[in-house]
PDB file of N, CA and C in Angstrom:
ATOM      1  N   MET A   1     -96.002 -30.711  -7.981  1.00  0.00           N
ATOM      2  CA  MET A   1     -94.719 -31.365  -7.836  1.00  0.00           C
ATOM      3  C   MET A   1     -94.214 -31.827  -9.208  1.00  0.00           C
ATOM      4  N   LEU A   2     -92.926 -32.061  -9.276  1.00  0.00           N
ATOM      5  CA  LEU A   2     -92.286 -32.419 -10.538  1.00  0.00           C
ATOM      6  C   LEU A   2     -92.917 -33.655 -11.169  1.00  0.00           C
ATOM      7  N   GLY A   3     -93.172 -34.677 -10.371  1.00  0.00           N
ATOM      8  CA  GLY A   3     -93.773 -35.903 -10.897  1.00  0.00           C
ATOM      9  C   GLY A   3     -95.125 -35.663 -11.543  1.00  0.00           C
ATOM     10  N   GLU A   4     -95.898 -34.773 -10.951  1.00  0.00           N
ATOM     11  CA  GLU A   4     -97.214 -34.446 -11.513  1.00  0.00           C
ATOM     12  C   GLU A   4     -97.073 -33.746 -12.858  1.00  0.00           C
ATOM     13  N   ARG A   5     -96.060 -32.899 -12.988  1.00  0.00           N
ATOM     14  CA  ARG A   5     -95.851 -32.208 -14.261  1.00  0.00           C
ATOM     15  C   ARG A   5     -95.316 -33.166 -15.330  1.00  0.00           C
ATOM     16  N   ILE A   6     -94.538 -34.152 -14.917  1.00  0.00           N
ATOM     17  CA  ILE A   6     -94.096 -35.178 -15.870  1.00  0.00           C
ATOM     18  C   ILE A   6     -95.314 -35.960 -16.357  1.00  0.00           C
ATOM     19  N   ARG A   7     -96.186 -36.359 -15.433  1.00  0.00           N
ATOM     20  CA  ARG A   7     -97.409 -37.080 -15.806  1.00  0.00           C
ATOM     21  C   ARG A   7     -98.281 -36.213 -16.720  1.00  0.00           C
ATOM     22  N   GLU A   8     -98.404 -34.940 -16.384  1.00  0.00           N
ATOM     23  CA  GLU A   8     -99.202 -34.030 -17.210  1.00  0.00           C
ATOM     24  C   GLU A   8     -98.637 -33.935 -18.626  1.00  0.00           C
ATOM     25  N   THR A   9     -97.314 -33.879 -18.731  1.00  0.00           N
ATOM     26  CA  THR A   9     -96.671 -33.834 -20.051  1.00  0.00           C
ATOM     27  C   THR A   9     -96.985 -35.096 -20.833  1.00  0.00           C
ATOM     28  N   ARG A  10     -96.894 -36.240 -20.183  1.00  0.00           N
ATOM     29  CA  ARG A  10     -97.188 -37.513 -20.850  1.00  0.00           C
ATOM     30  C   ARG A  10     -98.640 -37.558 -21.315  1.00  0.00           C
ATOM     31  N   LYS A  11     -99.551 -37.185 -20.447  1.00  0.00           N
ATOM     32  CA  LYS A  11    -100.974 -37.240 -20.802  1.00  0.00           C
ATOM     33  C   LYS A  11    -101.320 -36.218 -21.879  1.00  0.00           C
ATOM     34  N   ARG A  12    -100.713 -35.052 -21.821  1.00  0.00           N
ATOM     35  CA  ARG A  12    -100.957 -34.030 -22.831  1.00  0.00           C
ATOM     36  C   ARG A  12    -100.534 -34.533 -24.208  1.00  0.00           C
ATOM     37  N   ASN A  13     -99.536 -35.394 -24.233  1.00  0.00           N
ATOM     38  CA  ASN A  13     -99.058 -35.972 -25.484  1.00  0.00           C
ATOM     39  C   ASN A  13     -99.745 -37.291 -25.809  1.00  0.00           C
ATOM     40  N   GLN A  14    -100.775 -37.600 -25.051  1.00  0.00           N
ATOM     41  CA  GLN A  14    -101.621 -38.776 -25.282  1.00  0.00           C
ATOM     42  C   GLN A  14    -100.804 -40.056 -25.389  1.00  0.00           C
ATOM     43  N   MET A  15     -99.923 -40.243 -24.439  1.00  0.00           N
ATOM     44  CA  MET A  15     -99.061 -41.425 -24.437  1.00  0.00           C
ATOM     45  C   MET A  15     -99.259 -42.219 -23.161  1.00  0.00           C
ATOM     46  N   ASN A  16     -99.046 -43.534 -23.275  1.00  0.00           N
ATOM     47  CA  ASN A  16     -99.018 -44.347 -22.066  1.00  0.00           C
ATOM     48  C   ASN A  16     -97.593 -44.312 -21.513  1.00  0.00           C
ATOM     49  N   GLN A  17     -97.416 -44.906 -20.335  1.00  0.00           N
ATOM     50  CA  GLN A  17     -96.100 -44.840 -19.693  1.00  0.00           C
ATOM     51  C   GLN A  17     -95.016 -45.530 -20.511  1.00  0.00           C
ATOM     52  N   THR A  18     -95.362 -46.622 -21.169  1.00  0.00           N
ATOM     53  CA  THR A  18     -94.366 -47.349 -21.960  1.00  0.00           C
ATOM     54  C   THR A  18     -93.858 -46.495 -23.116  1.00  0.00           C
ATOM     55  N   GLU A  19     -94.774 -45.872 -23.862  1.00  0.00           N
ATOM     56  CA  GLU A  19     -94.392 -45.030 -25.004  1.00  0.00           C
ATOM     57  C   GLU A  19     -93.523 -43.858 -24.545  1.00  0.00           C
ATOM     58  N   PHE A  20     -93.988 -43.178 -23.505  1.00  0.00           N
ATOM     59  CA  PHE A  20     -93.296 -41.992 -23.005  1.00  0.00           C
ATOM     60  C   PHE A  20     -91.907 -42.356 -22.481  1.00  0.00           C
ATOM     61  N   SER A  21     -91.837 -43.433 -21.704  1.00  0.00           N
ATOM     62  CA  SER A  21     -90.558 -43.816 -21.100  1.00  0.00           C
ATOM     63  C   SER A  21     -89.518 -44.171 -22.159  1.00  0.00           C
ATOM     64  N   GLN A  22     -89.955 -44.797 -23.252  1.00  0.00           N
ATOM     65  CA  GLN A  22     -89.018 -45.135 -24.325  1.00  0.00           C
ATOM     66  C   GLN A  22     -88.419 -43.881 -24.951  1.00  0.00           C
ATOM     67  N   LEU A  23     -89.241 -42.843 -25.109  1.00  0.00           N
ATOM     68  CA  LEU A  23     -88.760 -41.611 -25.736  1.00  0.00           C
ATOM     69  C   LEU A  23     -87.789 -40.828 -24.855  1.00  0.00           C
ATOM     70  N   ILE A  24     -87.921 -40.976 -23.539  1.00  0.00           N
ATOM     71  CA  ILE A  24     -87.028 -40.223 -22.651  1.00  0.00           C
ATOM     72  C   ILE A  24     -85.903 -41.087 -22.088  1.00  0.00           C
ATOM     73  N   GLY A  25     -85.867 -42.363 -22.479  1.00  0.00           N
ATOM     74  CA  GLY A  25     -84.737 -43.213 -22.123  1.00  0.00           C
ATOM     75  C   GLY A  25     -84.735 -43.787 -20.723  1.00  0.00           C
ATOM     76  N   VAL A  26     -85.924 -44.032 -20.165  1.00  0.00           N
ATOM     77  CA  VAL A  26     -86.014 -44.702 -18.863  1.00  0.00           C
ATOM     78  C   VAL A  26     -86.974 -45.877 -18.986  1.00  0.00           C
ATOM     79  N   SER A  27     -86.975 -46.739 -17.995  1.00  0.00           N
ATOM     80  CA  SER A  27     -87.908 -47.864 -18.014  1.00  0.00           C
ATOM     81  C   SER A  27     -89.303 -47.382 -17.616  1.00  0.00           C
ATOM     82  N   GLN A  28     -90.295 -48.187 -17.924  1.00  0.00           N
ATOM     83  CA  GLN A  28     -91.672 -47.846 -17.549  1.00  0.00           C
ATOM     84  C   GLN A  28     -91.794 -47.778 -16.027  1.00  0.00           C
ATOM     85  N   GLY A  29     -91.113 -48.683 -15.331  1.00  0.00           N
ATOM     86  CA  GLY A  29     -91.148 -48.684 -13.868  1.00  0.00           C
ATOM     87  C   GLY A  29     -90.548 -47.419 -13.279  1.00  0.00           C
ATOM     88  N   THR A  30     -89.449 -46.972 -13.861  1.00  0.00           N
ATOM     89  CA  THR A  30     -88.813 -45.731 -13.411  1.00  0.00           C
ATOM     90  C   THR A  30     -89.742 -44.552 -13.631  1.00  0.00           C
ATOM     91  N   LEU A  31     -90.381 -44.503 -14.802  1.00  0.00           N
ATOM     92  CA  LEU A  31     -91.313 -43.412 -15.079  1.00  0.00           C
ATOM     93  C   LEU A  31     -92.449 -43.411 -14.069  1.00  0.00           C
ATOM     94  N   SER A  32     -92.967 -44.584 -13.764  1.00  0.00           N
ATOM     95  CA  SER A  32     -94.045 -44.686 -12.783  1.00  0.00           C
ATOM     96  C   SER A  32     -93.614 -44.102 -11.443  1.00  0.00           C
ATOM     97  N   GLU A  33     -92.408 -44.430 -11.007  1.00  0.00           N
ATOM     98  CA  GLU A  33     -91.899 -43.904  -9.738  1.00  0.00           C
ATOM     99  C   GLU A  33     -91.660 -42.398  -9.803  1.00  0.00           C
ATOM    100  N   LEU A  34     -91.204 -41.900 -10.951  1.00  0.00           N
ATOM    101  CA  LEU A  34     -91.020 -40.454 -11.112  1.00  0.00           C
ATOM    102  C   LEU A  34     -92.353 -39.735 -10.999  1.00  0.00           C
ATOM    103  N   GLU A  35     -93.375 -40.284 -11.667  1.00  0.00           N
ATOM    104  CA  GLU A  35     -94.694 -39.652 -11.640  1.00  0.00           C
ATOM    105  C   GLU A  35     -95.297 -39.663 -10.237  1.00  0.00           C
ATOM    106  N   GLN A  36     -94.903 -40.625  -9.427  1.00  0.00           N
ATOM    107  CA  GLN A  36     -95.398 -40.717  -8.052  1.00  0.00           C
ATOM    108  C   GLN A  36     -94.521 -39.944  -7.065  1.00  0.00           C
ATOM    109  N   ASN A  37     -93.544 -39.214  -7.599  1.00  0.00           N
ATOM    110  CA  ASN A  37     -92.619 -38.412  -6.786  1.00  0.00           C
ATOM    111  C   ASN A  37     -91.838 -39.250  -5.780  1.00  0.00           C
ATOM    112  N   LYS A  38     -91.547 -40.506  -6.145  1.00  0.00           N
ATOM    113  CA  LYS A  38     -90.758 -41.347  -5.244  1.00  0.00           C
ATOM    114  C   LYS A  38     -89.303 -40.908  -5.231  1.00  0.00           C
ATOM    115  N   TYR A  39     -88.847 -40.360  -6.344  1.00  0.00           N
ATOM    116  CA  TYR A  39     -87.524 -39.751  -6.396  1.00  0.00           C
ATOM    117  C   TYR A  39     -87.476 -38.780  -7.565  1.00  0.00           C
ATOM    118  N   ASN A  40     -86.445 -37.946  -7.590  1.00  0.00           N
ATOM    119  CA  ASN A  40     -86.312 -36.950  -8.649  1.00  0.00           C
ATOM    120  C   ASN A  40     -85.582 -37.539  -9.855  1.00  0.00           C
ATOM    121  N   PRO A  41     -85.956 -37.108 -11.049  1.00  0.00           N
ATOM    122  CA  PRO A  41     -85.291 -37.606 -12.252  1.00  0.00           C
ATOM    123  C   PRO A  41     -83.871 -37.063 -12.366  1.00  0.00           C
ATOM    124  N   SER A  42     -83.068 -37.771 -13.130  1.00  0.00           N
ATOM    125  CA  SER A  42     -81.707 -37.300 -13.403  1.00  0.00           C
ATOM    126  C   SER A  42     -81.781 -36.087 -14.320  1.00  0.00           C
ATOM    127  N   LEU A  43     -80.698 -35.353 -14.382  1.00  0.00           N
ATOM    128  CA  LEU A  43     -80.619 -34.210 -15.290  1.00  0.00           C
ATOM    129  C   LEU A  43     -80.825 -34.673 -16.726  1.00  0.00           C
ATOM    130  N   GLU A  44     -80.269 -35.836 -17.055  1.00  0.00           N
ATOM    131  CA  GLU A  44     -80.418 -36.405 -18.392  1.00  0.00           C
ATOM    132  C   GLU A  44     -81.900 -36.610 -18.744  1.00  0.00           C
ATOM    133  N   THR A  45     -82.652 -37.142 -17.791  1.00  0.00           N
ATOM    134  CA  THR A  45     -84.078 -37.396 -18.018  1.00  0.00           C
ATOM    135  C   THR A  45     -84.843 -36.086 -18.159  1.00  0.00           C
ATOM    136  N   ILE A  46     -84.535 -35.123 -17.320  1.00  0.00           N
ATOM    137  CA  ILE A  46     -85.196 -33.816 -17.403  1.00  0.00           C
ATOM    138  C   ILE A  46     -84.931 -33.182 -18.764  1.00  0.00           C
ATOM    139  N   LEU A  47     -83.681 -33.217 -19.200  1.00  0.00           N
ATOM    140  CA  LEU A  47     -83.337 -32.628 -20.496  1.00  0.00           C
ATOM    141  C   LEU A  47     -84.029 -33.357 -21.642  1.00  0.00           C
ATOM    142  N   ALA A  48     -84.169 -34.677 -21.531  1.00  0.00           N
ATOM    143  CA  ALA A  48     -84.864 -35.441 -22.572  1.00  0.00           C
ATOM    144  C   ALA A  48     -86.323 -35.019 -22.662  1.00  0.00           C
ATOM    145  N   ILE A  49     -86.985 -34.851 -21.530  1.00  0.00           N
ATOM    146  CA  ILE A  49     -88.391 -34.425 -21.525  1.00  0.00           C
ATOM    147  C   ILE A  49     -88.516 -33.045 -22.159  1.00  0.00           C
ATOM    148  N   ILE A  50     -87.631 -32.142 -21.780  1.00  0.00           N
ATOM    149  CA  ILE A  50     -87.666 -30.779 -22.314  1.00  0.00           C
ATOM    150  C   ILE A  50     -87.461 -30.787 -23.826  1.00  0.00           C
ATOM    151  N   LYS A  51     -86.487 -31.562 -24.288  1.00  0.00           N
ATOM    152  CA  LYS A  51     -86.158 -31.572 -25.711  1.00  0.00           C
ATOM    153  C   LYS A  51     -87.203 -32.312 -26.539  1.00  0.00           C
ATOM    154  N   VAL A  52     -87.534 -33.527 -26.139  1.00  0.00           N
ATOM    155  CA  VAL A  52     -88.443 -34.357 -26.939  1.00  0.00           C
ATOM    156  C   VAL A  52     -89.845 -33.763 -26.999  1.00  0.00           C
ATOM    157  N   PHE A  53     -90.317 -33.201 -25.892  1.00  0.00           N
ATOM    158  CA  PHE A  53     -91.694 -32.717 -25.837  1.00  0.00           C
ATOM    159  C   PHE A  53     -91.800 -31.198 -25.839  1.00  0.00           C
ATOM    160  N   ASN A  54     -90.675 -30.514 -26.052  1.00  0.00           N
ATOM    161  CA  ASN A  54     -90.650 -29.055 -26.122  1.00  0.00           C
ATOM    162  C   ASN A  54     -91.360 -28.423 -24.921  1.00  0.00           C
ATOM    163  N   VAL A  55     -90.978 -28.886 -23.742  1.00  0.00           N
ATOM    164  CA  VAL A  55     -91.584 -28.424 -22.498  1.00  0.00           C
ATOM    165  C   VAL A  55     -90.782 -27.246 -21.959  1.00  0.00           C
ATOM    166  N   ASN A  56     -91.460 -26.271 -21.421  1.00  0.00           N
ATOM    167  CA  ASN A  56     -90.805 -25.139 -20.783  1.00  0.00           C
ATOM    168  C   ASN A  56     -90.060 -25.648 -19.550  1.00  0.00           C
ATOM    169  N   ALA A  57     -88.755 -25.428 -19.498  1.00  0.00           N
ATOM    170  CA  ALA A  57     -87.929 -25.949 -18.406  1.00  0.00           C
ATOM    171  C   ALA A  57     -88.356 -25.394 -17.053  1.00  0.00           C
ATOM    172  N   THR A  58     -88.672 -24.119 -17.001  1.00  0.00           N
ATOM    173  CA  THR A  58     -89.087 -23.513 -15.738  1.00  0.00           C
ATOM    174  C   THR A  58     -90.377 -24.140 -15.244  1.00  0.00           C
ATOM    175  N   TRP A  59     -91.334 -24.327 -16.156  1.00  0.00           N
ATOM    176  CA  TRP A  59     -92.596 -24.957 -15.762  1.00  0.00           C
ATOM    177  C   TRP A  59     -92.352 -26.383 -15.272  1.00  0.00           C
ATOM    178  N   LEU A  60     -91.556 -27.157 -16.014  1.00  0.00           N
ATOM    179  CA  LEU A  60     -91.323 -28.548 -15.632  1.00  0.00           C
ATOM    180  C   LEU A  60     -90.695 -28.633 -14.242  1.00  0.00           C
ATOM    181  N   LEU A  61     -89.708 -27.807 -13.982  1.00  0.00           N
ATOM    182  CA  LEU A  61     -88.991 -27.886 -12.713  1.00  0.00           C
ATOM    183  C   LEU A  61     -89.720 -27.218 -11.554  1.00  0.00           C
ATOM    184  N   PHE A  62     -90.394 -26.095 -11.826  1.00  0.00           N
ATOM    185  CA  PHE A  62     -90.950 -25.304 -10.735  1.00  0.00           C
ATOM    186  C   PHE A  62     -92.452 -25.067 -10.814  1.00  0.00           C
ATOM    187  N   GLY A  63     -93.045 -25.290 -11.982  1.00  0.00           N
ATOM    188  CA  GLY A  63     -94.473 -25.027 -12.151  1.00  0.00           C
ATOM    189  C   GLY A  63     -94.758 -23.544 -12.238  1.00  0.00           C
ATOM    190  N   ASP A  64     -96.017 -23.199 -12.246  1.00  0.00           N
ATOM    191  CA  ASP A  64     -96.473 -21.812 -12.186  1.00  0.00           C
ATOM    192  C   ASP A  64     -95.874 -20.876 -13.218  1.00  0.00           C
ATOM    193  N   VAL A  65     -95.762 -21.311 -14.443  1.00  0.00           N
ATOM    194  CA  VAL A  65     -95.325 -20.431 -15.521  1.00  0.00           C
ATOM    195  C   VAL A  65     -96.573 -19.996 -16.271  1.00  0.00           C
ATOM    196  N   ALA A  66     -96.659 -18.725 -16.579  1.00  0.00           N
ATOM    197  CA  ALA A  66     -97.823 -18.218 -17.308  1.00  0.00           C
ATOM    198  C   ALA A  66     -97.980 -18.963 -18.626  1.00  0.00           C
ATOM    199  N   ASN A  67     -99.213 -19.212 -18.989  1.00  0.00           N
ATOM    200  CA  ASN A  67     -99.526 -19.913 -20.237  1.00  0.00           C
ATOM    201  C   ASN A  67     -99.489 -18.910 -21.377  1.00  0.00           C
ATOM    202  N   LYS A  68     -98.340 -18.765 -21.980  1.00  0.00           N
ATOM    203  CA  LYS A  68     -98.136 -17.767 -23.026  1.00  0.00           C
ATOM    204  C   LYS A  68     -98.963 -18.087 -24.263  1.00  0.00           C
ATOM    205  N   ASP A  69     -99.843 -17.170 -24.627  1.00  0.00           N
ATOM    206  CA  ASP A  69    -100.641 -17.245 -25.853  1.00  0.00           C
ATOM    207  C   ASP A  69    -101.462 -18.527 -25.982  1.00  0.00           C
ATOM    208  N   GLY A  70    -101.871 -19.123 -24.882  1.00  0.00           N
ATOM    209  CA  GLY A  70    -102.736 -20.301 -24.947  1.00  0.00           C
ATOM    210  C   GLY A  70    -102.057 -21.552 -25.459  1.00  0.00           C
ATOM    211  N   ILE A  71    -100.751 -21.620 -25.357  1.00  0.00           N
ATOM    212  CA  ILE A  71    -100.019 -22.772 -25.890  1.00  0.00           C
ATOM    213  C   ILE A  71    -100.437 -24.057 -25.194  1.00  0.00           C
ATOM    214  N   LEU A  72    -100.651 -24.012 -23.891  1.00  0.00           N
ATOM    215  CA  LEU A  72    -101.035 -25.235 -23.188  1.00  0.00           C
ATOM    216  C   LEU A  72    -102.377 -25.755 -23.672  1.00  0.00           C
ATOM    217  N   GLU A  73    -103.337 -24.863 -23.891  1.00  0.00           N
ATOM    218  CA  GLU A  73    -104.641 -25.294 -24.393  1.00  0.00           C
ATOM    219  C   GLU A  73    -104.522 -25.885 -25.789  1.00  0.00           C
ATOM    220  N   LEU A  74    -103.720 -25.268 -26.631  1.00  0.00           N
ATOM    221  CA  LEU A  74    -103.523 -25.781 -27.981  1.00  0.00           C
ATOM    222  C   LEU A  74    -102.915 -27.179 -27.943  1.00  0.00           C
ATOM    223  N   ALA A  75    -101.926 -27.374 -27.101  1.00  0.00           N
ATOM    224  CA  ALA A  75    -101.276 -28.687 -27.001  1.00  0.00           C
ATOM    225  C   ALA A  75    -102.264 -29.758 -26.572  1.00  0.00           C
ATOM    226  N   GLU A  76    -103.194 -29.412 -25.703  1.00  0.00           N
ATOM    227  CA  GLU A  76    -104.184 -30.380 -25.251  1.00  0.00           C
ATOM    228  C   GLU A  76    -105.125 -30.793 -26.372  1.00  0.00           C
ATOM    229  N   GLU A  77    -105.325 -29.926 -27.353  1.00  0.00           N
ATOM    230  CA  GLU A  77    -106.238 -30.216 -28.452  1.00  0.00           C
ATOM    231  C   GLU A  77    -105.595 -31.051 -29.551  1.00  0.00           C
ATOM    232  N   LEU A  78    -104.283 -31.113 -29.595  1.00  0.00           N
ATOM    233  CA  LEU A  78    -103.605 -31.858 -30.647  1.00  0.00           C
ATOM    234  C   LEU A  78    -103.719 -33.357 -30.396  1.00  0.00           C
ATOM    235  N   ASN A  79    -103.913 -34.121 -31.478  1.00  0.00           N
ATOM    236  CA  ASN A  79    -103.926 -35.569 -31.321  1.00  0.00           C
ATOM    237  C   ASN A  79    -102.518 -36.118 -31.540  1.00  0.00           C
ATOM    238  N   LYS A  80    -102.353 -37.433 -31.403  1.00  0.00           N
ATOM    239  CA  LYS A  80    -101.020 -38.041 -31.509  1.00  0.00           C
ATOM    240  C   LYS A  80    -100.360 -37.767 -32.851  1.00  0.00           C
ATOM    241  N   VAL A  81    -101.113 -37.885 -33.933  1.00  0.00           N
ATOM    242  CA  VAL A  81    -100.540 -37.674 -35.267  1.00  0.00           C
ATOM    243  C   VAL A  81    -100.058 -36.239 -35.406  1.00  0.00           C
ATOM    244  N   GLU A  82    -100.867 -35.288 -34.954  1.00  0.00           N
ATOM    245  CA  GLU A  82    -100.476 -33.884 -35.037  1.00  0.00           C
ATOM    246  C   GLU A  82     -99.217 -33.618 -34.204  1.00  0.00           C
ATOM    247  N   LEU A  83     -99.147 -34.222 -33.032  1.00  0.00           N
ATOM    248  CA  LEU A  83     -97.961 -34.037 -32.191  1.00  0.00           C
ATOM    249  C   LEU A  83     -96.718 -34.619 -32.851  1.00  0.00           C
ATOM    250  N   LEU A  84     -96.861 -35.787 -33.478  1.00  0.00           N
ATOM    251  CA  LEU A  84     -95.729 -36.380 -34.192  1.00  0.00           C
ATOM    252  C   LEU A  84     -95.288 -35.485 -35.342  1.00  0.00           C
ATOM    253  N   LEU A  85     -96.257 -34.897 -36.053  1.00  0.00           N
ATOM    254  CA  LEU A  85     -95.923 -34.002 -37.157  1.00  0.00           C
ATOM    255  C   LEU A  85     -95.183 -32.761 -36.658  1.00  0.00           C
ATOM    256  N   VAL A  86     -95.678 -32.175 -35.585  1.00  0.00           N
ATOM    257  CA  VAL A  86     -95.037 -30.975 -35.035  1.00  0.00           C
ATOM    258  C   VAL A  86     -93.620 -31.302 -34.572  1.00  0.00           C
ATOM    259  N   ASN A  87     -93.471 -32.396 -33.829  1.00  0.00           N
ATOM    260  CA  ASN A  87     -92.138 -32.764 -33.342  1.00  0.00           C
ATOM    261  C   ASN A  87     -91.206 -33.099 -34.499  1.00  0.00           C
ATOM    262  N   GLY A  88     -91.727 -33.788 -35.525  1.00  0.00           N
ATOM    263  CA  GLY A  88     -90.917 -34.106 -36.701  1.00  0.00           C
ATOM    264  C   GLY A  88     -90.501 -32.859 -37.451  1.00  0.00           C
ATOM    265  N   PHE A  89     -91.430 -31.914 -37.581  1.00  0.00           N
ATOM    266  CA  PHE A  89     -91.158 -30.652 -38.264  1.00  0.00           C
ATOM    267  C   PHE A  89     -90.018 -29.906 -37.574  1.00  0.00           C
ATOM    268  N   ARG A  90     -90.043 -29.898 -36.253  1.00  0.00           N
ATOM    269  CA  ARG A  90     -89.011 -29.183 -35.490  1.00  0.00           C
ATOM    270  C   ARG A  90     -87.628 -29.779 -35.686  1.00  0.00           C
ATOM    271  N   MET A  91     -87.570 -31.044 -36.028  1.00  0.00           N
ATOM    272  CA  MET A  91     -86.276 -31.709 -36.201  1.00  0.00           C
ATOM    273  C   MET A  91     -85.677 -31.459 -37.588  1.00  0.00           C
ATOM    274  N   LEU A  92     -86.475 -30.932 -38.509  1.00  0.00           N
ATOM    275  CA  LEU A  92     -86.007 -30.676 -39.869  1.00  0.00           C
ATOM    276  C   LEU A  92     -85.103 -29.449 -39.918  1.00  0.00           C
ATOM    277  N   SER A  93     -84.298 -29.384 -40.953  1.00  0.00           N
ATOM    278  CA  SER A  93     -83.487 -28.186 -41.178  1.00  0.00           C
ATOM    279  C   SER A  93     -84.426 -27.041 -41.574  1.00  0.00           C
ATOM    280  N   ILE A  94     -83.950 -25.831 -41.473  1.00  0.00           N
ATOM    281  CA  ILE A  94     -84.747 -24.661 -41.858  1.00  0.00           C
ATOM    282  C   ILE A  94     -85.176 -24.786 -43.317  1.00  0.00           C
ATOM    283  N   ARG A  95     -84.269 -25.228 -44.155  1.00  0.00           N
ATOM    284  CA  ARG A  95     -84.576 -25.389 -45.584  1.00  0.00           C
ATOM    285  C   ARG A  95     -85.724 -26.381 -45.784  1.00  0.00           C
ATOM    286  N   ASP A  96     -85.646 -27.530 -45.109  1.00  0.00           N
ATOM    287  CA  ASP A  96     -86.706 -28.529 -45.230  1.00  0.00           C
ATOM    288  C   ASP A  96     -88.028 -28.018 -44.655  1.00  0.00           C
ATOM    289  N   GLN A  97     -87.960 -27.250 -43.579  1.00  0.00           N
ATOM    290  CA  GLN A  97     -89.178 -26.669 -43.010  1.00  0.00           C
ATOM    291  C   GLN A  97     -89.846 -25.739 -44.022  1.00  0.00           C
ATOM    292  N   ARG A  98     -89.038 -24.948 -44.714  1.00  0.00           N
ATOM    293  CA  ARG A  98     -89.592 -24.036 -45.726  1.00  0.00           C
ATOM    294  C   ARG A  98     -90.257 -24.814 -46.854  1.00  0.00           C
ATOM    295  N   GLU A  99     -89.625 -25.919 -47.272  1.00  0.00           N
ATOM    296  CA  GLU A  99     -90.216 -26.760 -48.319  1.00  0.00           C
ATOM    297  C   GLU A  99     -91.578 -27.291 -47.887  1.00  0.00           C
ATOM    298  N   ILE A 100     -91.642 -27.779 -46.670  1.00  0.00           N
ATOM    299  CA  ILE A 100     -92.908 -28.306 -46.142  1.00  0.00           C
ATOM    300  C   ILE A 100     -93.956 -27.201 -46.101  1.00  0.00           C
ATOM    301  N   MET A 101     -93.573 -26.022 -45.649  1.00  0.00           N
ATOM    302  CA  MET A 101     -94.516 -24.895 -45.592  1.00  0.00           C
ATOM    303  C   MET A 101     -95.024 -24.544 -46.990  1.00  0.00           C
ATOM    304  N   ASN A 102     -94.150 -24.568 -47.986  1.00  0.00           N
ATOM    305  CA  ASN A 102     -94.570 -24.285 -49.362  1.00  0.00           C
ATOM    306  C   ASN A 102     -95.553 -25.333 -49.865  1.00  0.00           C
ATOM    307  N   ILE A 103     -95.310 -26.593 -49.546  1.00  0.00           N
ATOM    308  CA  ILE A 103     -96.238 -27.660 -49.944  1.00  0.00           C
ATOM    309  C   ILE A 103     -97.599 -27.448 -49.295  1.00  0.00           C
ATOM    310  N   ILE A 104     -97.604 -27.108 -48.022  1.00  0.00           N
ATOM    311  CA  ILE A 104     -98.871 -26.866 -47.314  1.00  0.00           C
ATOM    312  C   ILE A 104     -99.609 -25.686 -47.936  1.00  0.00           C
ATOM    313  N   LYS A 105     -98.883 -24.611 -48.250  1.00  0.00           N
ATOM    314  CA  LYS A 105     -99.517 -23.448 -48.879  1.00  0.00           C
ATOM    315  C   LYS A 105    -100.132 -23.815 -50.218  1.00  0.00           C
ATOM    316  N   LEU A 106     -99.425 -24.621 -51.015  1.00  0.00           N
ATOM    317  CA  LEU A 106     -99.959 -25.058 -52.311  1.00  0.00           C
ATOM    318  C   LEU A 106    -101.217 -25.900 -52.138  1.00  0.00           C
ATOM    319  N   LYS A 107    -101.198 -26.808 -51.184  1.00  0.00           N
ATOM    320  CA  LYS A 107    -102.344 -27.694 -50.949  1.00  0.00           C
ATOM    321  C   LYS A 107    -103.560 -26.924 -50.443  1.00  0.00           C
ATOM    322  N   ASN A 108    -103.333 -25.851 -49.711  1.00  0.00           N
ATOM    323  CA  ASN A 108    -104.433 -25.080 -49.131  1.00  0.00           C
ATOM    324  C   ASN A 108    -104.949 -23.973 -50.043  1.00  0.00           C
ATOM    325  N   SER A 109    -104.302 -23.765 -51.182  1.00  0.00           N
ATOM    326  CA  SER A 109    -104.751 -22.675 -52.062  1.00  0.00           C
ATOM    327  C   SER A 109    -105.716 -23.168 -53.113  1.00  0.00           C
TER     328      SER A 109
END
């Protein structure tokens, strides 16, 4: 059910309900009720989850999406800092992303 997938997304990102709810713009109580399938989230909330956590929309809404290239397993292995870095990287311009990649290449050589 949708609430279970919302909870799974939160846990995969190693967040408590308060942290997660702040990022998607709902109260902790509302998130708790969503996770318990007491009611369905608004379109705004669904879009926030998809955007902030880069969740597959089809999986979030309907479940049963094939795990392309082990992405779900990789996400489970990332810690909070790594997730923040990945999400921050995605928000950068292409130019800034290239700069970061060049710095990483220099540090690893």
